[in-house]
Amino acid sequence: MGYWGGKVGPDLTSIGQIRTERDLLEAVVYPSASFVRSFEPVIVDIRDNEEYSGGVANDTTDELALITGADTKARVARKDIAEMRPGTVSVMPSGLADQFSKQELADLLTFLKNTQWGAP
């Protein structure tokens, strides 16, 4: 949101203006139910039996850069990729809503719904 949190997922600066409270709640409680376009997870199998999972940060003819965490990226040379396929699990951790009380979850949704950073 704004300049906080890195660029792991979509910008939440004005998410409340384009998503309903129900959409926001679903995204927190069931983060892998749906993905925002261009933030879909991918799984990359490397020739030496390693596997990376994350969102595509940069895709060139020579290299693929995956966002694997708030401040982490994995860079993989194209020549080392054995397979690349869509992922089914969000980079946002499941169980996040379980860490909040009902009131905290309600407060989070209210914050997301009503915040407009940079609005006059």
PDB file of N, CA and C in Angstrom:
ATOM      1  N   MET A   1       0.865  -1.159   0.000  1.00  0.00           N
ATOM      2  CA  MET A   1       0.000   0.000   0.000  1.00  0.00           C
ATOM      3  C   MET A   1       0.902   1.209   0.000  1.00  0.00           C
ATOM      4  N   GLY A   2       0.676   2.085  -0.941  1.00  0.00           N
ATOM      5  CA  GLY A   2       1.560   3.244  -1.027  1.00  0.00           C
ATOM      6  C   GLY A   2       2.979   2.783  -1.237  1.00  0.00           C
ATOM      7  N   TYR A   3       3.875   3.220  -0.393  1.00  0.00           N
ATOM      8  CA  TYR A   3       5.284   2.839  -0.508  1.00  0.00           C
ATOM      9  C   TYR A   3       5.654   1.733   0.476  1.00  0.00           C
ATOM     10  N   TRP A   4       4.698   1.156   1.198  1.00  0.00           N
ATOM     11  CA  TRP A   4       4.962   0.097   2.170  1.00  0.00           C
ATOM     12  C   TRP A   4       4.734  -1.283   1.572  1.00  0.00           C
ATOM     13  N   GLY A   5       5.495  -2.262   2.042  1.00  0.00           N
ATOM     14  CA  GLY A   5       5.193  -3.649   1.756  1.00  0.00           C
ATOM     15  C   GLY A   5       5.834  -4.250   0.526  1.00  0.00           C
ATOM     16  N   GLY A   6       6.614  -3.504  -0.198  1.00  0.00           N
ATOM     17  CA  GLY A   6       7.225  -4.074  -1.389  1.00  0.00           C
ATOM     18  C   GLY A   6       6.239  -4.189  -2.530  1.00  0.00           C
ATOM     19  N   LYS A   7       6.625  -4.882  -3.572  1.00  0.00           N
ATOM     20  CA  LYS A   7       5.793  -5.016  -4.768  1.00  0.00           C
ATOM     21  C   LYS A   7       5.494  -6.486  -5.043  1.00  0.00           C
ATOM     22  N   VAL A   8       5.008  -7.175  -4.010  1.00  0.00           N
ATOM     23  CA  VAL A   8       4.701  -8.592  -4.143  1.00  0.00           C
ATOM     24  C   VAL A   8       3.357  -8.799  -4.820  1.00  0.00           C
ATOM     25  N   GLY A   9       2.408  -7.951  -4.517  1.00  0.00           N
ATOM     26  CA  GLY A   9       1.058  -8.082  -5.060  1.00  0.00           C
ATOM     27  C   GLY A   9       0.587  -6.764  -5.629  1.00  0.00           C
ATOM     28  N   PRO A  10      -0.683  -6.701  -5.964  1.00  0.00           N
ATOM     29  CA  PRO A  10      -1.225  -5.472  -6.544  1.00  0.00           C
ATOM     30  C   PRO A  10      -1.199  -4.319  -5.547  1.00  0.00           C
ATOM     31  N   ASP A  11      -1.160  -3.114  -6.062  1.00  0.00           N
ATOM     32  CA  ASP A  11      -1.169  -1.917  -5.231  1.00  0.00           C
ATOM     33  C   ASP A  11      -2.521  -1.800  -4.530  1.00  0.00           C
ATOM     34  N   LEU A  12      -2.493  -1.680  -3.226  1.00  0.00           N
ATOM     35  CA  LEU A  12      -3.724  -1.605  -2.439  1.00  0.00           C
ATOM     36  C   LEU A  12      -4.128  -0.174  -2.112  1.00  0.00           C
ATOM     37  N   THR A  13      -3.432   0.793  -2.692  1.00  0.00           N
ATOM     38  CA  THR A  13      -3.659   2.197  -2.381  1.00  0.00           C
ATOM     39  C   THR A  13      -5.122   2.595  -2.498  1.00  0.00           C
ATOM     40  N   SER A  14      -5.805   2.155  -3.525  1.00  0.00           N
ATOM     41  CA  SER A  14      -7.219   2.516  -3.682  1.00  0.00           C
ATOM     42  C   SER A  14      -8.074   1.280  -3.961  1.00  0.00           C
ATOM     43  N   ILE A  15      -7.678   0.146  -3.385  1.00  0.00           N
ATOM     44  CA  ILE A  15      -8.367  -1.122  -3.638  1.00  0.00           C
ATOM     45  C   ILE A  15      -9.831  -1.070  -3.218  1.00  0.00           C
ATOM     46  N   GLY A  16     -10.138  -0.306  -2.178  1.00  0.00           N
ATOM     47  CA  GLY A  16     -11.513  -0.210  -1.700  1.00  0.00           C
ATOM     48  C   GLY A  16     -12.446   0.477  -2.663  1.00  0.00           C
ATOM     49  N   GLN A  17     -11.890   1.186  -3.633  1.00  0.00           N
ATOM     50  CA  GLN A  17     -12.723   1.861  -4.623  1.00  0.00           C
ATOM     51  C   GLN A  17     -13.124   0.931  -5.770  1.00  0.00           C
ATOM     52  N   ILE A  18     -12.394  -0.175  -5.918  1.00  0.00           N
ATOM     53  CA  ILE A  18     -12.681  -1.083  -7.034  1.00  0.00           C
ATOM     54  C   ILE A  18     -13.135  -2.475  -6.590  1.00  0.00           C
ATOM     55  N   ARG A  19     -13.035  -2.770  -5.290  1.00  0.00           N
ATOM     56  CA  ARG A  19     -13.445  -4.071  -4.765  1.00  0.00           C
ATOM     57  C   ARG A  19     -14.457  -3.887  -3.635  1.00  0.00           C
ATOM     58  N   THR A  20     -15.386  -4.833  -3.537  1.00  0.00           N
ATOM     59  CA  THR A  20     -16.373  -4.805  -2.466  1.00  0.00           C
ATOM     60  C   THR A  20     -15.753  -5.347  -1.182  1.00  0.00           C
ATOM     61  N   GLU A  21     -16.459  -5.148  -0.070  1.00  0.00           N
ATOM     62  CA  GLU A  21     -15.994  -5.705   1.200  1.00  0.00           C
ATOM     63  C   GLU A  21     -15.898  -7.226   1.111  1.00  0.00           C
ATOM     64  N   ARG A  22     -16.850  -7.836   0.419  1.00  0.00           N
ATOM     65  CA  ARG A  22     -16.841  -9.295   0.258  1.00  0.00           C
ATOM     66  C   ARG A  22     -15.593  -9.745  -0.511  1.00  0.00           C
ATOM     67  N   ASP A  23     -15.254  -9.029  -1.582  1.00  0.00           N
ATOM     68  CA  ASP A  23     -14.044  -9.359  -2.355  1.00  0.00           C
ATOM     69  C   ASP A  23     -12.802  -9.250  -1.480  1.00  0.00           C
ATOM     70  N   LEU A  24     -12.732  -8.188  -0.699  1.00  0.00           N
ATOM     71  CA  LEU A  24     -11.576  -7.968   0.173  1.00  0.00           C
ATOM     72  C   LEU A  24     -11.468  -9.070   1.219  1.00  0.00           C
ATOM     73  N   LEU A  25     -12.597  -9.426   1.823  1.00  0.00           N
ATOM     74  CA  LEU A  25     -12.600 -10.496   2.826  1.00  0.00           C
ATOM     75  C   LEU A  25     -12.163 -11.810   2.206  1.00  0.00           C
ATOM     76  N   GLU A  26     -12.689 -12.128   1.031  1.00  0.00           N
ATOM     77  CA  GLU A  26     -12.294 -13.370   0.352  1.00  0.00           C
ATOM     78  C   GLU A  26     -10.797 -13.387   0.073  1.00  0.00           C
ATOM     79  N   ALA A  27     -10.244 -12.264  -0.344  1.00  0.00           N
ATOM     80  CA  ALA A  27      -8.816 -12.194  -0.668  1.00  0.00           C
ATOM     81  C   ALA A  27      -7.943 -12.452   0.564  1.00  0.00           C
ATOM     82  N   VAL A  28      -8.414 -12.023   1.735  1.00  0.00           N
ATOM     83  CA  VAL A  28      -7.651 -12.234   2.968  1.00  0.00           C
ATOM     84  C   VAL A  28      -7.843 -13.661   3.485  1.00  0.00           C
ATOM     85  N   VAL A  29      -9.075 -14.139   3.482  1.00  0.00           N
ATOM     86  CA  VAL A  29      -9.379 -15.452   4.047  1.00  0.00           C
ATOM     87  C   VAL A  29      -8.973 -16.587   3.102  1.00  0.00           C
ATOM     88  N   TYR A  30      -9.174 -16.392   1.803  1.00  0.00           N
ATOM     89  CA  TYR A  30      -8.857 -17.415   0.797  1.00  0.00           C
ATOM     90  C   TYR A  30      -7.951 -16.815  -0.286  1.00  0.00           C
ATOM     91  N   PRO A  31      -6.697 -16.553   0.031  1.00  0.00           N
ATOM     92  CA  PRO A  31      -5.829 -15.845  -0.921  1.00  0.00           C
ATOM     93  C   PRO A  31      -5.574 -16.587  -2.235  1.00  0.00           C
ATOM     94  N   SER A  32      -5.777 -17.877  -2.272  1.00  0.00           N
ATOM     95  CA  SER A  32      -5.526 -18.632  -3.501  1.00  0.00           C
ATOM     96  C   SER A  32      -6.789 -18.877  -4.322  1.00  0.00           C
ATOM     97  N   ALA A  33      -7.918 -18.291  -3.907  1.00  0.00           N
ATOM     98  CA  ALA A  33      -9.180 -18.507  -4.631  1.00  0.00           C
ATOM     99  C   ALA A  33      -9.159 -17.856  -6.006  1.00  0.00           C
ATOM    100  N   SER A  34      -8.536 -16.703  -6.115  1.00  0.00           N
ATOM    101  CA  SER A  34      -8.423 -16.021  -7.410  1.00  0.00           C
ATOM    102  C   SER A  34      -7.206 -15.118  -7.367  1.00  0.00           C
ATOM    103  N   PHE A  35      -6.729 -14.752  -8.549  1.00  0.00           N
ATOM    104  CA  PHE A  35      -5.518 -13.935  -8.646  1.00  0.00           C
ATOM    105  C   PHE A  35      -5.768 -12.710  -9.513  1.00  0.00           C
ATOM    106  N   VAL A  36      -5.167 -11.609  -9.129  1.00  0.00           N
ATOM    107  CA  VAL A  36      -5.240 -10.397  -9.934  1.00  0.00           C
ATOM    108  C   VAL A  36      -4.373 -10.615 -11.165  1.00  0.00           C
ATOM    109  N   ARG A  37      -4.896 -10.229 -12.319  1.00  0.00           N
ATOM    110  CA  ARG A  37      -4.147 -10.392 -13.563  1.00  0.00           C
ATOM    111  C   ARG A  37      -2.767  -9.741 -13.431  1.00  0.00           C
ATOM    112  N   SER A  38      -1.781 -10.410 -13.888  1.00  0.00           N
ATOM    113  CA  SER A  38      -0.355 -10.063 -13.867  1.00  0.00           C
ATOM    114  C   SER A  38       0.288 -10.314 -12.509  1.00  0.00           C
ATOM    115  N   PHE A  39      -0.467 -10.867 -11.564  1.00  0.00           N
ATOM    116  CA  PHE A  39       0.104 -11.288 -10.289  1.00  0.00           C
ATOM    117  C   PHE A  39      -0.149 -12.772 -10.046  1.00  0.00           C
ATOM    118  N   GLU A  40      -0.420 -13.515 -11.110  1.00  0.00           N
ATOM    119  CA  GLU A  40      -0.634 -14.948 -10.986  1.00  0.00           C
ATOM    120  C   GLU A  40       0.686 -15.619 -10.610  1.00  0.00           C
ATOM    121  N   PRO A  41       0.632 -16.591  -9.699  1.00  0.00           N
ATOM    122  CA  PRO A  41       1.864 -17.294  -9.340  1.00  0.00           C
ATOM    123  C   PRO A  41       2.289 -18.261 -10.444  1.00  0.00           C
ATOM    124  N   VAL A  42       3.578 -18.489 -10.534  1.00  0.00           N
ATOM    125  CA  VAL A  42       4.116 -19.485 -11.465  1.00  0.00           C
ATOM    126  C   VAL A  42       5.070 -20.393 -10.707  1.00  0.00           C
ATOM    127  N   ILE A  43       5.230 -21.586 -11.222  1.00  0.00           N
ATOM    128  CA  ILE A  43       6.191 -22.540 -10.675  1.00  0.00           C
ATOM    129  C   ILE A  43       7.220 -22.801 -11.764  1.00  0.00           C
ATOM    130  N   VAL A  44       8.474 -22.670 -11.401  1.00  0.00           N
ATOM    131  CA  VAL A  44       9.564 -22.865 -12.356  1.00  0.00           C
ATOM    132  C   VAL A  44      10.427 -24.019 -11.876  1.00  0.00           C
ATOM    133  N   ASP A  45      10.510 -25.051 -12.691  1.00  0.00           N
ATOM    134  CA  ASP A  45      11.391 -26.183 -12.409  1.00  0.00           C
ATOM    135  C   ASP A  45      12.720 -25.937 -13.101  1.00  0.00           C
ATOM    136  N   ILE A  46      13.783 -26.090 -12.337  1.00  0.00           N
ATOM    137  CA  ILE A  46      15.135 -25.881 -12.850  1.00  0.00           C
ATOM    138  C   ILE A  46      15.738 -27.253 -13.166  1.00  0.00           C
ATOM    139  N   ARG A  47      16.615 -27.284 -14.111  1.00  0.00           N
ATOM    140  CA  ARG A  47      17.200 -28.548 -14.588  1.00  0.00           C
ATOM    141  C   ARG A  47      17.882 -29.365 -13.490  1.00  0.00           C
ATOM    142  N   ASP A  48      18.366 -28.733 -12.414  1.00  0.00           N
ATOM    143  CA  ASP A  48      19.029 -29.496 -11.344  1.00  0.00           C
ATOM    144  C   ASP A  48      18.051 -29.868 -10.217  1.00  0.00           C
ATOM    145  N   ASN A  49      16.767 -30.027 -10.578  1.00  0.00           N
ATOM    146  CA  ASN A  49      15.705 -30.459  -9.667  1.00  0.00           C
ATOM    147  C   ASN A  49      15.331 -29.430  -8.602  1.00  0.00           C
ATOM    148  N   GLU A  50      15.721 -28.189  -8.759  1.00  0.00           N
ATOM    149  CA  GLU A  50      15.237 -27.128  -7.879  1.00  0.00           C
ATOM    150  C   GLU A  50      13.910 -26.623  -8.417  1.00  0.00           C
ATOM    151  N   GLU A  51      13.150 -25.998  -7.531  1.00  0.00           N
ATOM    152  CA  GLU A  51      11.866 -25.437  -7.936  1.00  0.00           C
ATOM    153  C   GLU A  51      11.703 -24.075  -7.276  1.00  0.00           C
ATOM    154  N   TYR A  52      11.202 -23.108  -8.033  1.00  0.00           N
ATOM    155  CA  TYR A  52      10.893 -21.781  -7.506  1.00  0.00           C
ATOM    156  C   TYR A  52       9.416 -21.500  -7.739  1.00  0.00           C
ATOM    157  N   SER A  53       8.829 -20.774  -6.816  1.00  0.00           N
ATOM    158  CA  SER A  53       7.434 -20.384  -6.944  1.00  0.00           C
ATOM    159  C   SER A  53       7.324 -18.908  -6.588  1.00  0.00           C
ATOM    160  N   GLY A  54       6.580 -18.168  -7.388  1.00  0.00           N
ATOM    161  CA  GLY A  54       6.399 -16.746  -7.107  1.00  0.00           C
ATOM    162  C   GLY A  54       5.720 -16.049  -8.258  1.00  0.00           C
ATOM    163  N   GLY A  55       5.724 -14.747  -8.202  1.00  0.00           N
ATOM    164  CA  GLY A  55       5.156 -13.938  -9.266  1.00  0.00           C
ATOM    165  C   GLY A  55       6.247 -13.448 -10.193  1.00  0.00           C
ATOM    166  N   VAL A  56       5.933 -13.281 -11.444  1.00  0.00           N
ATOM    167  CA  VAL A  56       6.932 -12.843 -12.418  1.00  0.00           C
ATOM    168  C   VAL A  56       7.195 -11.351 -12.241  1.00  0.00           C
ATOM    169  N   ALA A  57       8.444 -11.014 -11.961  1.00  0.00           N
ATOM    170  CA  ALA A  57       8.852  -9.619 -11.826  1.00  0.00           C
ATOM    171  C   ALA A  57       9.382  -9.087 -13.149  1.00  0.00           C
ATOM    172  N   ASN A  58      10.132  -9.944 -13.845  1.00  0.00           N
ATOM    173  CA  ASN A  58      10.736  -9.541 -15.107  1.00  0.00           C
ATOM    174  C   ASN A  58      10.965 -10.797 -15.941  1.00  0.00           C
ATOM    175  N   ASP A  59      10.637 -10.704 -17.216  1.00  0.00           N
ATOM    176  CA  ASP A  59      10.751 -11.853 -18.103  1.00  0.00           C
ATOM    177  C   ASP A  59      11.446 -11.398 -19.379  1.00  0.00           C
ATOM    178  N   THR A  60      12.673 -11.836 -19.565  1.00  0.00           N
ATOM    179  CA  THR A  60      13.423 -11.473 -20.765  1.00  0.00           C
ATOM    180  C   THR A  60      13.799 -12.741 -21.509  1.00  0.00           C
ATOM    181  N   THR A  61      14.437 -12.593 -22.640  1.00  0.00           N
ATOM    182  CA  THR A  61      14.860 -13.765 -23.414  1.00  0.00           C
ATOM    183  C   THR A  61      15.965 -14.538 -22.706  1.00  0.00           C
ATOM    184  N   ASP A  62      16.725 -13.877 -21.821  1.00  0.00           N
ATOM    185  CA  ASP A  62      17.837 -14.529 -21.139  1.00  0.00           C
ATOM    186  C   ASP A  62      17.535 -14.968 -19.711  1.00  0.00           C
ATOM    187  N   GLU A  63      16.589 -14.268 -19.053  1.00  0.00           N
ATOM    188  CA  GLU A  63      16.410 -14.495 -17.621  1.00  0.00           C
ATOM    189  C   GLU A  63      14.960 -14.274 -17.202  1.00  0.00           C
ATOM    190  N   LEU A  64      14.568 -15.007 -16.168  1.00  0.00           N
ATOM    191  CA  LEU A  64      13.270 -14.829 -15.537  1.00  0.00           C
ATOM    192  C   LEU A  64      13.526 -14.435 -14.089  1.00  0.00           C
ATOM    193  N   ALA A  65      12.907 -13.355 -13.643  1.00  0.00           N
ATOM    194  CA  ALA A  65      13.019 -12.934 -12.249  1.00  0.00           C
ATOM    195  C   ALA A  65      11.667 -13.131 -11.581  1.00  0.00           C
ATOM    196  N   LEU A  66      11.655 -13.883 -10.480  1.00  0.00           N
ATOM    197  CA  LEU A  66      10.437 -14.164  -9.740  1.00  0.00           C
ATOM    198  C   LEU A  66      10.459 -13.447  -8.401  1.00  0.00           C
ATOM    199  N   ILE A  67       9.331 -12.869  -8.035  1.00  0.00           N
ATOM    200  CA  ILE A  67       9.169 -12.304  -6.696  1.00  0.00           C
ATOM    201  C   ILE A  67       8.781 -13.460  -5.793  1.00  0.00           C
ATOM    202  N   THR A  68       9.623 -13.764  -4.815  1.00  0.00           N
ATOM    203  CA  THR A  68       9.380 -14.899  -3.937  1.00  0.00           C
ATOM    204  C   THR A  68       9.009 -14.475  -2.520  1.00  0.00           C
ATOM    205  N   GLY A  69       9.089 -13.202  -2.226  1.00  0.00           N
ATOM    206  CA  GLY A  69       8.757 -12.663  -0.911  1.00  0.00           C
ATOM    207  C   GLY A  69       8.773 -11.153  -0.966  1.00  0.00           C
ATOM    208  N   ALA A  70       8.435 -10.510   0.145  1.00  0.00           N
ATOM    209  CA  ALA A  70       8.343  -9.053   0.175  1.00  0.00           C
ATOM    210  C   ALA A  70       9.631  -8.380  -0.285  1.00  0.00           C
ATOM    211  N   ASP A  71      10.762  -8.943   0.069  1.00  0.00           N
ATOM    212  CA  ASP A  71      12.045  -8.349  -0.298  1.00  0.00           C
ATOM    213  C   ASP A  71      12.965  -9.322  -1.008  1.00  0.00           C
ATOM    214  N   THR A  72      12.407 -10.390  -1.571  1.00  0.00           N
ATOM    215  CA  THR A  72      13.267 -11.393  -2.192  1.00  0.00           C
ATOM    216  C   THR A  72      12.829 -11.707  -3.620  1.00  0.00           C
ATOM    217  N   LYS A  73      13.826 -11.920  -4.444  1.00  0.00           N
ATOM    218  CA  LYS A  73      13.602 -12.328  -5.826  1.00  0.00           C
ATOM    219  C   LYS A  73      14.513 -13.499  -6.136  1.00  0.00           C
ATOM    220  N   ALA A  74      14.069 -14.329  -7.048  1.00  0.00           N
ATOM    221  CA  ALA A  74      14.907 -15.411  -7.571  1.00  0.00           C
ATOM    222  C   ALA A  74      15.124 -15.123  -9.052  1.00  0.00           C
ATOM    223  N   ARG A  75      16.364 -15.152  -9.466  1.00  0.00           N
ATOM    224  CA  ARG A  75      16.698 -14.944 -10.875  1.00  0.00           C
ATOM    225  C   ARG A  75      17.136 -16.281 -11.464  1.00  0.00           C
ATOM    226  N   VAL A  76      16.524 -16.628 -12.586  1.00  0.00           N
ATOM    227  CA  VAL A  76      16.789 -17.918 -13.208  1.00  0.00           C
ATOM    228  C   VAL A  76      17.125 -17.691 -14.676  1.00  0.00           C
ATOM    229  N   ALA A  77      18.248 -18.230 -15.090  1.00  0.00           N
ATOM    230  CA  ALA A  77      18.630 -18.144 -16.502  1.00  0.00           C
ATOM    231  C   ALA A  77      17.666 -18.990 -17.322  1.00  0.00           C
ATOM    232  N   ARG A  78      17.221 -18.475 -18.443  1.00  0.00           N
ATOM    233  CA  ARG A  78      16.283 -19.198 -19.316  1.00  0.00           C
ATOM    234  C   ARG A  78      16.803 -20.578 -19.693  1.00  0.00           C
ATOM    235  N   LYS A  79      18.108 -20.683 -19.924  1.00  0.00           N
ATOM    236  CA  LYS A  79      18.695 -21.957 -20.347  1.00  0.00           C
ATOM    237  C   LYS A  79      18.609 -23.017 -19.257  1.00  0.00           C
ATOM    238  N   ASP A  80      18.390 -22.603 -17.992  1.00  0.00           N
ATOM    239  CA  ASP A  80      18.317 -23.546 -16.877  1.00  0.00           C
ATOM    240  C   ASP A  80      16.890 -23.991 -16.552  1.00  0.00           C
ATOM    241  N   ILE A  81      15.897 -23.412 -17.229  1.00  0.00           N
ATOM    242  CA  ILE A  81      14.505 -23.734 -16.938  1.00  0.00           C
ATOM    243  C   ILE A  81      14.099 -25.011 -17.669  1.00  0.00           C
ATOM    244  N   ALA A  82      13.657 -25.999 -16.884  1.00  0.00           N
ATOM    245  CA  ALA A  82      13.163 -27.249 -17.465  1.00  0.00           C
ATOM    246  C   ALA A  82      11.681 -27.130 -17.797  1.00  0.00           C
ATOM    247  N   GLU A  83      10.928 -26.473 -16.903  1.00  0.00           N
ATOM    248  CA  GLU A  83       9.486 -26.322 -17.105  1.00  0.00           C
ATOM    249  C   GLU A  83       8.999 -25.109 -16.322  1.00  0.00           C
ATOM    250  N   MET A  84       7.994 -24.454 -16.885  1.00  0.00           N
ATOM    251  CA  MET A  84       7.345 -23.341 -16.198  1.00  0.00           C
ATOM    252  C   MET A  84       5.843 -23.540 -16.356  1.00  0.00           C
ATOM    253  N   ARG A  85       5.111 -23.485 -15.224  1.00  0.00           N
ATOM    254  CA  ARG A  85       3.672 -23.724 -15.270  1.00  0.00           C
ATOM    255  C   ARG A  85       2.957 -22.797 -14.291  1.00  0.00           C
ATOM    256  N   PRO A  86       1.660 -22.599 -14.497  1.00  0.00           N
ATOM    257  CA  PRO A  86       0.899 -21.750 -13.572  1.00  0.00           C
ATOM    258  C   PRO A  86       0.874 -22.364 -12.177  1.00  0.00           C
ATOM    259  N   GLY A  87       0.975 -21.504 -11.187  1.00  0.00           N
ATOM    260  CA  GLY A  87       0.858 -21.949  -9.803  1.00  0.00           C
ATOM    261  C   GLY A  87      -0.588 -21.864  -9.345  1.00  0.00           C
ATOM    262  N   THR A  88      -0.893 -22.552  -8.285  1.00  0.00           N
ATOM    263  CA  THR A  88      -2.255 -22.539  -7.752  1.00  0.00           C
ATOM    264  C   THR A  88      -2.312 -21.961  -6.346  1.00  0.00           C
ATOM    265  N   VAL A  89      -1.151 -21.614  -5.784  1.00  0.00           N
ATOM    266  CA  VAL A  89      -1.088 -21.098  -4.422  1.00  0.00           C
ATOM    267  C   VAL A  89      -0.564 -19.660  -4.451  1.00  0.00           C
ATOM    268  N   SER A  90      -1.287 -18.789  -3.800  1.00  0.00           N
ATOM    269  CA  SER A  90      -0.921 -17.378  -3.743  1.00  0.00           C
ATOM    270  C   SER A  90       0.387 -17.177  -2.978  1.00  0.00           C
ATOM    271  N   VAL A  91       1.111 -16.133  -3.354  1.00  0.00           N
ATOM    272  CA  VAL A  91       2.297 -15.743  -2.607  1.00  0.00           C
ATOM    273  C   VAL A  91       1.886 -15.235  -1.220  1.00  0.00           C
ATOM    274  N   MET A  92       0.661 -14.676  -1.131  1.00  0.00           N
ATOM    275  CA  MET A  92       0.145 -14.256   0.171  1.00  0.00           C
ATOM    276  C   MET A  92      -0.123 -15.509   0.999  1.00  0.00           C
ATOM    277  N   PRO A  93       0.403 -15.558   2.208  1.00  0.00           N
ATOM    278  CA  PRO A  93       0.267 -16.782   2.991  1.00  0.00           C
ATOM    279  C   PRO A  93      -1.178 -17.093   3.375  1.00  0.00           C
ATOM    280  N   SER A  94      -1.539 -18.373   3.304  1.00  0.00           N
ATOM    281  CA  SER A  94      -2.855 -18.769   3.780  1.00  0.00           C
ATOM    282  C   SER A  94      -2.831 -18.743   5.304  1.00  0.00           C
ATOM    283  N   GLY A  95      -3.986 -18.605   5.898  1.00  0.00           N
ATOM    284  CA  GLY A  95      -4.065 -18.558   7.352  1.00  0.00           C
ATOM    285  C   GLY A  95      -3.834 -17.178   7.932  1.00  0.00           C
ATOM    286  N   LEU A  96      -3.643 -16.186   7.079  1.00  0.00           N
ATOM    287  CA  LEU A  96      -3.403 -14.826   7.568  1.00  0.00           C
ATOM    288  C   LEU A  96      -4.575 -14.330   8.423  1.00  0.00           C
ATOM    289  N   ALA A  97      -5.784 -14.614   7.979  1.00  0.00           N
ATOM    290  CA  ALA A  97      -6.975 -14.158   8.712  1.00  0.00           C
ATOM    291  C   ALA A  97      -7.048 -14.784  10.100  1.00  0.00           C
ATOM    292  N   ASP A  98      -6.462 -15.976  10.275  1.00  0.00           N
ATOM    293  CA  ASP A  98      -6.489 -16.649  11.575  1.00  0.00           C
ATOM    294  C   ASP A  98      -5.654 -15.921  12.625  1.00  0.00           C
ATOM    295  N   GLN A  99      -4.773 -15.039  12.181  1.00  0.00           N
ATOM    296  CA  GLN A  99      -3.927 -14.298  13.101  1.00  0.00           C
ATOM    297  C   GLN A  99      -4.629 -13.068  13.675  1.00  0.00           C
ATOM    298  N   PHE A 100      -5.804 -12.752  13.140  1.00  0.00           N
ATOM    299  CA  PHE A 100      -6.556 -11.579  13.583  1.00  0.00           C
ATOM    300  C   PHE A 100      -7.765 -11.986  14.409  1.00  0.00           C
ATOM    301  N   SER A 101      -8.119 -11.141  15.377  1.00  0.00           N
ATOM    302  CA  SER A 101      -9.415 -11.318  16.031  1.00  0.00           C
ATOM    303  C   SER A 101     -10.482 -10.871  15.032  1.00  0.00           C
ATOM    304  N   LYS A 102     -11.742 -11.161  15.307  1.00  0.00           N
ATOM    305  CA  LYS A 102     -12.821 -10.723  14.421  1.00  0.00           C
ATOM    306  C   LYS A 102     -12.828  -9.207  14.296  1.00  0.00           C
ATOM    307  N   GLN A 103     -12.567  -8.514  15.394  1.00  0.00           N
ATOM    308  CA  GLN A 103     -12.552  -7.046  15.356  1.00  0.00           C
ATOM    309  C   GLN A 103     -11.380  -6.534  14.522  1.00  0.00           C
ATOM    310  N   GLU A 104     -10.213  -7.154  14.663  1.00  0.00           N
ATOM    311  CA  GLU A 104      -9.053  -6.734  13.867  1.00  0.00           C
ATOM    312  C   GLU A 104      -9.284  -6.967  12.383  1.00  0.00           C
ATOM    313  N   LEU A 105      -9.913  -8.076  12.040  1.00  0.00           N
ATOM    314  CA  LEU A 105     -10.227  -8.360  10.649  1.00  0.00           C
ATOM    315  C   LEU A 105     -11.225  -7.340  10.109  1.00  0.00           C
ATOM    316  N   ALA A 106     -12.232  -7.017  10.899  1.00  0.00           N
ATOM    317  CA  ALA A 106     -13.203  -5.992  10.498  1.00  0.00           C
ATOM    318  C   ALA A 106     -12.515  -4.638  10.323  1.00  0.00           C
ATOM    319  N   ASP A 107     -11.590  -4.312  11.218  1.00  0.00           N
ATOM    320  CA  ASP A 107     -10.846  -3.045  11.117  1.00  0.00           C
ATOM    321  C   ASP A 107      -9.988  -3.014   9.847  1.00  0.00           C
ATOM    322  N   LEU A 108      -9.345  -4.145   9.531  1.00  0.00           N
ATOM    323  CA  LEU A 108      -8.530  -4.229   8.316  1.00  0.00           C
ATOM    324  C   LEU A 108      -9.390  -3.990   7.080  1.00  0.00           C
ATOM    325  N   LEU A 109     -10.535  -4.640   7.014  1.00  0.00           N
ATOM    326  CA  LEU A 109     -11.420  -4.469   5.864  1.00  0.00           C
ATOM    327  C   LEU A 109     -11.923  -3.031   5.759  1.00  0.00           C
ATOM    328  N   THR A 110     -12.250  -2.424   6.883  1.00  0.00           N
ATOM    329  CA  THR A 110     -12.685  -1.019   6.886  1.00  0.00           C
ATOM    330  C   THR A 110     -11.560  -0.116   6.389  1.00  0.00           C
ATOM    331  N   PHE A 111     -10.354  -0.383   6.853  1.00  0.00           N
ATOM    332  CA  PHE A 111      -9.190   0.395   6.407  1.00  0.00           C
ATOM    333  C   PHE A 111      -8.998   0.266   4.900  1.00  0.00           C
ATOM    334  N   LEU A 112      -9.000  -0.964   4.392  1.00  0.00           N
ATOM    335  CA  LEU A 112      -8.807  -1.177   2.955  1.00  0.00           C
ATOM    336  C   LEU A 112      -9.933  -0.548   2.139  1.00  0.00           C
ATOM    337  N   LYS A 113     -11.137  -0.641   2.634  1.00  0.00           N
ATOM    338  CA  LYS A 113     -12.292  -0.117   1.905  1.00  0.00           C
ATOM    339  C   LYS A 113     -12.297   1.410   1.847  1.00  0.00           C
ATOM    340  N   ASN A 114     -11.788   2.061   2.880  1.00  0.00           N
ATOM    341  CA  ASN A 114     -11.930   3.516   2.980  1.00  0.00           C
ATOM    342  C   ASN A 114     -10.656   4.310   2.755  1.00  0.00           C
ATOM    343  N   THR A 115      -9.531   3.663   2.574  1.00  0.00           N
ATOM    344  CA  THR A 115      -8.277   4.385   2.400  1.00  0.00           C
ATOM    345  C   THR A 115      -8.055   4.752   0.940  1.00  0.00           C
ATOM    346  N   GLN A 116      -7.677   5.991   0.740  1.00  0.00           N
ATOM    347  CA  GLN A 116      -7.288   6.484  -0.589  1.00  0.00           C
ATOM    348  C   GLN A 116      -6.039   7.316  -0.433  1.00  0.00           C
ATOM    349  N   TRP A 117      -4.904   6.695  -0.573  1.00  0.00           N
ATOM    350  CA  TRP A 117      -3.652   7.436  -0.456  1.00  0.00           C
ATOM    351  C   TRP A 117      -3.506   8.351  -1.640  1.00  0.00           C
ATOM    352  N   GLY A 118      -3.099   9.547  -1.367  1.00  0.00           N
ATOM    353  CA  GLY A 118      -2.880  10.518  -2.433  1.00  0.00           C
ATOM    354  C   GLY A 118      -4.150  11.188  -2.898  1.00  0.00           C
ATOM    355  N   ALA A 119      -5.299  10.850  -2.304  1.00  0.00           N
ATOM    356  CA  ALA A 119      -6.552  11.489  -2.670  1.00  0.00           C
ATOM    357  C   ALA A 119      -6.602  12.877  -2.045  1.00  0.00           C
ATOM    358  N   PRO A 120      -7.224  13.845  -2.728  1.00  0.00           N
ATOM    359  CA  PRO A 120      -7.297  15.204  -2.175  1.00  0.00           C
ATOM    360  C   PRO A 120      -8.122  15.271  -0.916  1.00  0.00           C
TER     361      PRO A 120
END
